[in-house]
Amino acid sequence: MLIVPGCSKLESFPEEMGDLEKLEWLDARDTLISRLPSSFVRLNKLKLLNFAKVKSEDGLFFVFPQVNEG
């Protein structure tokens, strides 16, 4: 479980986030995160994402990394 709500200056997660193989919950509400690192696709155990009230400075809502089939 990774809980960072209210970290109003948090803009991104590091690429190493994909190494958190057992991560099941990610709560990043009320942050500035608008894009996830490409390693995010390796989080196979992830069950819950919360990005409620994410603020955007550039007008983008949210960008997920591209997942390639195969």
N, C-alpha and C. Protein backbone atom coordinates (compact mmCIF):
# COMPACT_ATOMS: atom_id res chain seq x y z
N MET A 1 0.85 -1.16 0.00
CA MET A 1 0.00 0.00 0.00
C MET A 1 0.90 1.24 0.00
N LEU A 2 0.64 2.15 -0.92
CA LEU A 2 1.36 3.41 -0.97
C LEU A 2 0.32 4.52 -0.89
N ILE A 3 0.42 5.32 0.16
CA ILE A 3 -0.57 6.36 0.42
C ILE A 3 0.13 7.71 0.50
N VAL A 4 -0.19 8.61 -0.44
CA VAL A 4 0.43 9.94 -0.46
C VAL A 4 -0.59 11.06 -0.66
N PRO A 5 -1.83 10.92 -0.18
CA PRO A 5 -2.82 11.96 -0.43
C PRO A 5 -2.44 13.27 0.24
N GLY A 6 -2.75 14.36 -0.43
CA GLY A 6 -2.49 15.67 0.14
C GLY A 6 -1.07 16.16 -0.05
N CYS A 7 -0.23 15.38 -0.72
CA CYS A 7 1.14 15.84 -1.02
C CYS A 7 1.02 16.77 -2.22
N SER A 8 0.62 17.98 -1.96
CA SER A 8 0.23 18.91 -3.02
C SER A 8 1.36 19.34 -3.94
N LYS A 9 2.60 19.03 -3.60
CA LYS A 9 3.73 19.38 -4.47
C LYS A 9 4.27 18.16 -5.22
N LEU A 10 3.70 16.99 -4.97
CA LEU A 10 4.15 15.76 -5.63
C LEU A 10 3.70 15.76 -7.08
N GLU A 11 4.67 15.80 -8.01
CA GLU A 11 4.37 15.88 -9.44
C GLU A 11 4.59 14.59 -10.19
N SER A 12 5.41 13.69 -9.64
CA SER A 12 5.70 12.45 -10.36
C SER A 12 6.19 11.37 -9.41
N PHE A 13 6.14 10.15 -9.91
CA PHE A 13 6.73 9.01 -9.22
C PHE A 13 8.00 8.63 -9.97
N PRO A 14 8.99 8.08 -9.29
CA PRO A 14 10.22 7.67 -9.98
C PRO A 14 9.98 6.43 -10.85
N GLU A 15 10.83 6.24 -11.83
CA GLU A 15 10.75 5.07 -12.71
C GLU A 15 10.84 3.77 -11.91
N GLU A 16 11.55 3.81 -10.79
CA GLU A 16 11.71 2.62 -9.95
C GLU A 16 10.40 2.15 -9.31
N MET A 17 9.36 2.92 -9.46
CA MET A 17 8.06 2.52 -8.90
C MET A 17 7.64 1.15 -9.42
N GLY A 18 8.01 0.81 -10.62
CA GLY A 18 7.68 -0.48 -11.21
C GLY A 18 8.30 -1.65 -10.47
N ASP A 19 9.27 -1.38 -9.61
CA ASP A 19 9.91 -2.44 -8.83
C ASP A 19 9.08 -2.85 -7.62
N LEU A 20 8.01 -2.14 -7.33
CA LEU A 20 7.15 -2.45 -6.18
C LEU A 20 6.17 -3.55 -6.59
N GLU A 21 6.70 -4.74 -6.84
CA GLU A 21 5.94 -5.85 -7.41
C GLU A 21 4.71 -6.25 -6.60
N LYS A 22 4.72 -6.04 -5.31
CA LYS A 22 3.61 -6.47 -4.46
C LYS A 22 2.63 -5.35 -4.14
N LEU A 23 2.82 -4.19 -4.75
CA LEU A 23 1.93 -3.05 -4.49
C LEU A 23 0.51 -3.37 -4.95
N GLU A 24 -0.45 -3.24 -4.04
CA GLU A 24 -1.85 -3.52 -4.35
C GLU A 24 -2.71 -2.26 -4.35
N TRP A 25 -2.36 -1.28 -3.54
CA TRP A 25 -3.14 -0.04 -3.43
C TRP A 25 -2.24 1.15 -3.66
N LEU A 26 -2.71 2.10 -4.44
CA LEU A 26 -2.00 3.35 -4.65
C LEU A 26 -3.00 4.49 -4.49
N ASP A 27 -2.79 5.29 -3.48
CA ASP A 27 -3.67 6.43 -3.20
C ASP A 27 -2.86 7.71 -3.35
N ALA A 28 -3.09 8.43 -4.44
CA ALA A 28 -2.35 9.66 -4.72
C ALA A 28 -3.31 10.82 -4.96
N ARG A 29 -4.41 10.83 -4.21
CA ARG A 29 -5.39 11.91 -4.41
C ARG A 29 -4.84 13.24 -3.93
N ASP A 30 -5.32 14.29 -4.56
CA ASP A 30 -4.94 15.66 -4.20
C ASP A 30 -3.44 15.91 -4.35
N THR A 31 -2.87 15.41 -5.46
CA THR A 31 -1.47 15.65 -5.80
C THR A 31 -1.42 16.35 -7.15
N LEU A 32 -0.23 16.56 -7.68
CA LEU A 32 -0.06 17.15 -9.01
C LEU A 32 0.32 16.11 -10.06
N ILE A 33 0.23 14.83 -9.73
CA ILE A 33 0.64 13.78 -10.66
C ILE A 33 -0.34 13.70 -11.82
N SER A 34 0.17 13.83 -13.03
CA SER A 34 -0.69 13.74 -14.22
C SER A 34 -0.19 12.68 -15.19
N ARG A 35 0.91 12.04 -14.83
CA ARG A 35 1.50 11.04 -15.72
C ARG A 35 2.23 10.02 -14.87
N LEU A 36 2.15 8.77 -15.26
CA LEU A 36 2.82 7.70 -14.53
C LEU A 36 4.05 7.24 -15.29
N PRO A 37 5.08 6.76 -14.59
CA PRO A 37 6.27 6.25 -15.28
C PRO A 37 5.92 5.01 -16.09
N SER A 38 6.69 4.75 -17.14
CA SER A 38 6.42 3.59 -17.99
C SER A 38 6.51 2.28 -17.22
N SER A 39 7.29 2.25 -16.15
CA SER A 39 7.44 1.03 -15.35
C SER A 39 6.16 0.65 -14.62
N PHE A 40 5.20 1.56 -14.58
CA PHE A 40 3.93 1.33 -13.91
C PHE A 40 3.22 0.08 -14.43
N VAL A 41 3.43 -0.24 -15.69
CA VAL A 41 2.75 -1.40 -16.29
C VAL A 41 3.21 -2.72 -15.68
N ARG A 42 4.29 -2.72 -14.93
CA ARG A 42 4.79 -3.94 -14.28
C ARG A 42 4.09 -4.22 -12.95
N LEU A 43 3.22 -3.34 -12.50
CA LEU A 43 2.55 -3.51 -11.21
C LEU A 43 1.34 -4.43 -11.37
N ASN A 44 1.61 -5.71 -11.54
CA ASN A 44 0.58 -6.71 -11.85
C ASN A 44 -0.38 -6.98 -10.70
N LYS A 45 -0.01 -6.68 -9.49
CA LYS A 45 -0.86 -6.96 -8.32
C LYS A 45 -1.77 -5.78 -7.96
N LEU A 46 -1.61 -4.66 -8.65
CA LEU A 46 -2.35 -3.45 -8.32
C LEU A 46 -3.85 -3.65 -8.48
N LYS A 47 -4.59 -3.36 -7.41
CA LYS A 47 -6.04 -3.54 -7.40
C LYS A 47 -6.79 -2.21 -7.28
N LEU A 48 -6.19 -1.23 -6.63
CA LEU A 48 -6.88 0.04 -6.38
C LEU A 48 -5.99 1.22 -6.74
N LEU A 49 -6.54 2.13 -7.52
CA LEU A 49 -5.87 3.40 -7.85
C LEU A 49 -6.80 4.53 -7.44
N ASN A 50 -6.27 5.51 -6.76
CA ASN A 50 -7.09 6.67 -6.41
C ASN A 50 -6.32 7.93 -6.78
N PHE A 51 -6.80 8.61 -7.81
CA PHE A 51 -6.22 9.87 -8.24
C PHE A 51 -7.28 10.97 -8.20
N ALA A 52 -8.21 10.86 -7.26
CA ALA A 52 -9.26 11.87 -7.11
C ALA A 52 -8.63 13.22 -6.76
N LYS A 53 -9.23 14.26 -7.26
CA LYS A 53 -8.81 15.63 -6.98
C LYS A 53 -7.38 15.94 -7.44
N VAL A 54 -6.89 15.21 -8.44
CA VAL A 54 -5.56 15.51 -8.97
C VAL A 54 -5.63 16.85 -9.69
N LYS A 55 -4.70 17.71 -9.37
CA LYS A 55 -4.66 19.04 -9.97
C LYS A 55 -3.80 19.00 -11.22
N SER A 56 -4.18 19.75 -12.22
CA SER A 56 -3.42 19.79 -13.46
C SER A 56 -3.05 21.23 -13.77
N GLU A 57 -1.77 21.46 -14.00
CA GLU A 57 -1.32 22.81 -14.33
C GLU A 57 -1.30 23.05 -15.83
N ASP A 58 -1.30 21.97 -16.64
CA ASP A 58 -1.19 22.14 -18.08
C ASP A 58 -2.47 21.76 -18.83
N GLY A 59 -3.54 21.52 -18.11
CA GLY A 59 -4.81 21.20 -18.75
C GLY A 59 -5.02 19.73 -19.05
N LEU A 60 -3.97 18.92 -18.91
CA LEU A 60 -4.11 17.47 -19.11
C LEU A 60 -4.82 16.87 -17.92
N PHE A 61 -5.63 15.88 -18.17
CA PHE A 61 -6.28 15.21 -17.05
C PHE A 61 -5.35 14.16 -16.47
N PHE A 62 -5.05 13.11 -17.24
CA PHE A 62 -4.17 12.06 -16.74
C PHE A 62 -3.68 11.23 -17.90
N VAL A 63 -2.42 10.83 -17.87
CA VAL A 63 -1.84 10.02 -18.94
C VAL A 63 -1.29 8.74 -18.34
N PHE A 64 -1.83 7.60 -18.81
CA PHE A 64 -1.32 6.30 -18.40
C PHE A 64 -0.27 5.85 -19.40
N PRO A 65 0.72 5.06 -18.97
CA PRO A 65 1.71 4.55 -19.91
C PRO A 65 1.05 3.56 -20.88
N GLN A 66 1.61 3.47 -22.08
CA GLN A 66 1.09 2.56 -23.09
C GLN A 66 1.46 1.13 -22.73
N VAL A 67 0.50 0.24 -22.86
CA VAL A 67 0.73 -1.18 -22.61
C VAL A 67 0.78 -1.89 -23.95
N ASN A 68 1.88 -2.60 -24.20
CA ASN A 68 2.01 -3.35 -25.44
C ASN A 68 1.53 -4.77 -25.23
N GLU A 69 0.76 -5.28 -26.18
CA GLU A 69 0.28 -6.65 -26.08
C GLU A 69 1.41 -7.61 -26.38
N GLY A 70 1.30 -8.80 -25.79
CA GLY A 70 2.26 -9.84 -26.13
C GLY A 70 3.07 -10.18 -24.99
